[in-house]
Structures are given as C-alpha cells and as structure tokens.
Amino acid sequence: MALEGRGLAWLPMSLVADDLRNGTLVDAGAGAWRVPVDIRLYRQLAHMAPVAEALWQLVSGGASGD
C-alpha cells in the first residue's frame, strides 16, 4: 500500500533499499522513526511436523539446537 501512495509502513531496510534509492519510496521520518528490532525464534524440544522442521533448518542455517 505504501508503494501505491496509500500510507506509510515500517519495513526492513533490506527490503526497501532499492525503492528508497530510486525514489519509489521516501523515508517519511528522515530516520527519526527508525526502530531497532531483534527477531528471535524459539522452538519446542519435541519433534515437529516435517514442514516445521524444514523451516527451522532453513532459518537456523542447518544447525540443531537453540
């Protein structure tokens, strides 16, 4: 919706860097509204469904644990 000029959005810089560079999007807060975010994933110790296990392997870089 932000790309269509229908409001604003808080988006990861990795997803909008090109749009900011080419002017498709603008930084509405000039950096003042930037919020640091940590994303943490937790999993149960028990075996999960195959699709959940595959997702966990993908996001954890194939490492087990944590």
N, C-alpha and C. Protein backbone atom coordinates (compact mmCIF):
# COMPACT_ATOMS: atom_id res chain seq x y z
N MET A 1 0.83 -1.19 0.00
CA MET A 1 0.00 0.00 0.00
C MET A 1 0.87 1.25 0.00
N ALA A 2 2.01 1.19 0.69
CA ALA A 2 2.90 2.35 0.68
C ALA A 2 3.39 2.63 -0.74
N LEU A 3 3.66 1.58 -1.50
CA LEU A 3 4.10 1.77 -2.89
C LEU A 3 3.02 2.42 -3.75
N GLU A 4 1.76 2.26 -3.35
CA GLU A 4 0.65 2.85 -4.08
C GLU A 4 0.30 4.24 -3.55
N GLY A 5 1.08 4.76 -2.59
CA GLY A 5 0.82 6.08 -2.03
C GLY A 5 -0.34 6.12 -1.07
N ARG A 6 -0.63 5.00 -0.43
CA ARG A 6 -1.78 4.91 0.47
C ARG A 6 -1.39 4.82 1.94
N GLY A 7 -0.36 5.50 2.33
CA GLY A 7 0.01 5.48 3.74
C GLY A 7 1.49 5.25 3.92
N LEU A 8 1.85 4.89 5.14
CA LEU A 8 3.24 4.63 5.44
C LEU A 8 3.39 3.26 6.05
N ALA A 9 4.63 2.80 6.08
CA ALA A 9 4.89 1.46 6.59
C ALA A 9 6.26 1.41 7.24
N TRP A 10 6.39 0.61 8.25
CA TRP A 10 7.69 0.33 8.85
C TRP A 10 8.15 -0.97 8.22
N LEU A 11 9.23 -0.90 7.45
CA LEU A 11 9.70 -2.05 6.68
C LEU A 11 11.20 -2.24 6.89
N PRO A 12 11.68 -3.48 6.78
CA PRO A 12 13.11 -3.72 6.90
C PRO A 12 13.87 -3.01 5.77
N MET A 13 14.97 -2.38 6.12
CA MET A 13 15.77 -1.68 5.12
C MET A 13 16.20 -2.62 4.00
N SER A 14 16.46 -3.86 4.34
CA SER A 14 16.89 -4.82 3.32
C SER A 14 15.84 -5.02 2.23
N LEU A 15 14.58 -4.76 2.56
CA LEU A 15 13.51 -4.93 1.57
C LEU A 15 13.20 -3.66 0.78
N VAL A 16 13.57 -2.50 1.30
CA VAL A 16 13.17 -1.25 0.65
C VAL A 16 14.34 -0.39 0.17
N ALA A 17 15.56 -0.86 0.34
CA ALA A 17 16.73 -0.05 -0.02
C ALA A 17 16.68 0.40 -1.48
N ASP A 18 16.35 -0.50 -2.39
CA ASP A 18 16.27 -0.13 -3.81
C ASP A 18 15.18 0.90 -4.05
N ASP A 19 14.02 0.73 -3.41
CA ASP A 19 12.92 1.68 -3.58
C ASP A 19 13.28 3.05 -3.03
N LEU A 20 14.04 3.10 -1.95
CA LEU A 20 14.49 4.39 -1.41
C LEU A 20 15.50 5.04 -2.35
N ARG A 21 16.40 4.23 -2.90
CA ARG A 21 17.41 4.77 -3.82
C ARG A 21 16.78 5.34 -5.09
N ASN A 22 15.77 4.64 -5.63
CA ASN A 22 15.19 5.11 -6.90
C ASN A 22 14.00 6.05 -6.70
N GLY A 23 13.66 6.36 -5.46
CA GLY A 23 12.62 7.34 -5.19
C GLY A 23 11.20 6.81 -5.21
N THR A 24 11.04 5.49 -5.38
CA THR A 24 9.71 4.89 -5.32
C THR A 24 9.11 5.05 -3.94
N LEU A 25 9.94 4.96 -2.92
CA LEU A 25 9.55 5.23 -1.53
C LEU A 25 10.47 6.32 -0.97
N VAL A 26 9.98 7.02 0.02
CA VAL A 26 10.80 8.01 0.72
C VAL A 26 10.78 7.71 2.21
N ASP A 27 11.82 8.15 2.88
CA ASP A 27 11.93 7.98 4.33
C ASP A 27 11.11 9.09 4.99
N ALA A 28 9.90 8.77 5.41
CA ALA A 28 8.97 9.79 5.91
C ALA A 28 9.47 10.45 7.19
N GLY A 29 10.22 9.75 7.99
CA GLY A 29 10.68 10.31 9.25
C GLY A 29 12.12 10.76 9.22
N ALA A 30 12.71 10.76 8.04
CA ALA A 30 14.12 11.15 7.90
C ALA A 30 14.99 10.42 8.91
N GLY A 31 14.67 9.18 9.18
CA GLY A 31 15.46 8.38 10.12
C GLY A 31 15.03 8.50 11.56
N ALA A 32 14.25 9.52 11.89
CA ALA A 32 13.86 9.73 13.29
C ALA A 32 12.93 8.63 13.80
N TRP A 33 12.25 7.94 12.89
CA TRP A 33 11.30 6.91 13.30
C TRP A 33 11.87 5.50 13.18
N ARG A 34 13.13 5.40 12.92
CA ARG A 34 13.74 4.06 12.80
C ARG A 34 13.78 3.40 14.16
N VAL A 35 13.39 2.15 14.19
CA VAL A 35 13.31 1.39 15.43
C VAL A 35 14.16 0.13 15.29
N PRO A 36 15.14 -0.07 16.17
CA PRO A 36 15.91 -1.31 16.10
C PRO A 36 15.02 -2.49 16.50
N VAL A 37 15.15 -3.57 15.78
CA VAL A 37 14.32 -4.74 16.03
C VAL A 37 15.20 -5.98 16.07
N ASP A 38 15.01 -6.80 17.07
CA ASP A 38 15.64 -8.11 17.15
C ASP A 38 14.56 -9.15 16.88
N ILE A 39 14.86 -10.09 16.01
CA ILE A 39 13.92 -11.17 15.74
C ILE A 39 14.52 -12.43 16.34
N ARG A 40 13.75 -13.04 17.22
CA ARG A 40 14.19 -14.26 17.89
C ARG A 40 13.18 -15.36 17.62
N LEU A 41 13.69 -16.51 17.31
CA LEU A 41 12.82 -17.66 17.05
C LEU A 41 13.06 -18.70 18.14
N TYR A 42 12.00 -19.25 18.64
CA TYR A 42 12.07 -20.29 19.65
C TYR A 42 11.34 -21.51 19.13
N ARG A 43 11.82 -22.67 19.51
CA ARG A 43 11.16 -23.90 19.08
C ARG A 43 10.97 -24.82 20.26
N GLN A 44 10.03 -25.69 20.10
CA GLN A 44 9.81 -26.70 21.13
C GLN A 44 10.89 -27.77 21.00
N LEU A 45 11.15 -28.48 22.10
CA LEU A 45 12.16 -29.54 22.06
C LEU A 45 11.66 -30.79 21.34
N ALA A 46 10.36 -31.02 21.40
CA ALA A 46 9.78 -32.21 20.76
C ALA A 46 9.87 -32.09 19.24
N HIS A 47 9.83 -33.24 18.59
CA HIS A 47 9.84 -33.28 17.13
C HIS A 47 8.61 -32.55 16.60
N MET A 48 8.80 -31.79 15.52
CA MET A 48 7.70 -31.05 14.93
C MET A 48 7.33 -31.67 13.58
N ALA A 49 6.25 -31.21 13.01
CA ALA A 49 5.82 -31.66 11.69
C ALA A 49 6.95 -31.42 10.69
N PRO A 50 7.05 -32.22 9.65
CA PRO A 50 8.14 -32.08 8.68
C PRO A 50 8.30 -30.66 8.12
N VAL A 51 7.20 -29.99 7.82
CA VAL A 51 7.32 -28.63 7.28
C VAL A 51 7.89 -27.67 8.33
N ALA A 52 7.54 -27.85 9.58
CA ALA A 52 8.08 -27.01 10.65
C ALA A 52 9.57 -27.30 10.86
N GLU A 53 9.94 -28.57 10.81
CA GLU A 53 11.35 -28.95 10.93
C GLU A 53 12.16 -28.36 9.77
N ALA A 54 11.61 -28.40 8.57
CA ALA A 54 12.30 -27.85 7.40
C ALA A 54 12.49 -26.35 7.55
N LEU A 55 11.46 -25.66 8.03
CA LEU A 55 11.57 -24.22 8.25
C LEU A 55 12.65 -23.94 9.29
N TRP A 56 12.66 -24.70 10.37
CA TRP A 56 13.65 -24.48 11.41
C TRP A 56 15.06 -24.68 10.86
N GLN A 57 15.25 -25.72 10.05
CA GLN A 57 16.56 -25.95 9.45
C GLN A 57 16.97 -24.78 8.55
N LEU A 58 16.01 -24.25 7.81
CA LEU A 58 16.28 -23.12 6.93
C LEU A 58 16.71 -21.89 7.70
N VAL A 59 15.95 -21.51 8.72
CA VAL A 59 16.24 -20.27 9.45
C VAL A 59 17.42 -20.41 10.41
N SER A 60 17.73 -21.63 10.81
CA SER A 60 18.85 -21.80 11.74
C SER A 60 20.14 -22.14 11.02
N GLY A 61 20.13 -22.12 9.72
CA GLY A 61 21.35 -22.41 8.97
C GLY A 61 21.74 -23.87 9.01
N GLY A 62 20.76 -24.72 9.31
CA GLY A 62 21.02 -26.16 9.35
C GLY A 62 21.56 -26.64 10.68
N ALA A 63 21.81 -25.72 11.62
CA ALA A 63 22.33 -26.12 12.93
C ALA A 63 21.21 -26.65 13.78
N SER A 64 21.50 -27.61 14.61
CA SER A 64 20.49 -28.12 15.54
C SER A 64 20.65 -27.43 16.88
N GLY A 65 19.60 -27.50 17.69
CA GLY A 65 19.65 -26.86 19.00
C GLY A 65 19.05 -25.48 18.95
N ASP A 66 19.36 -24.70 20.00
CA ASP A 66 18.80 -23.35 20.16
C ASP A 66 17.41 -23.30 19.64
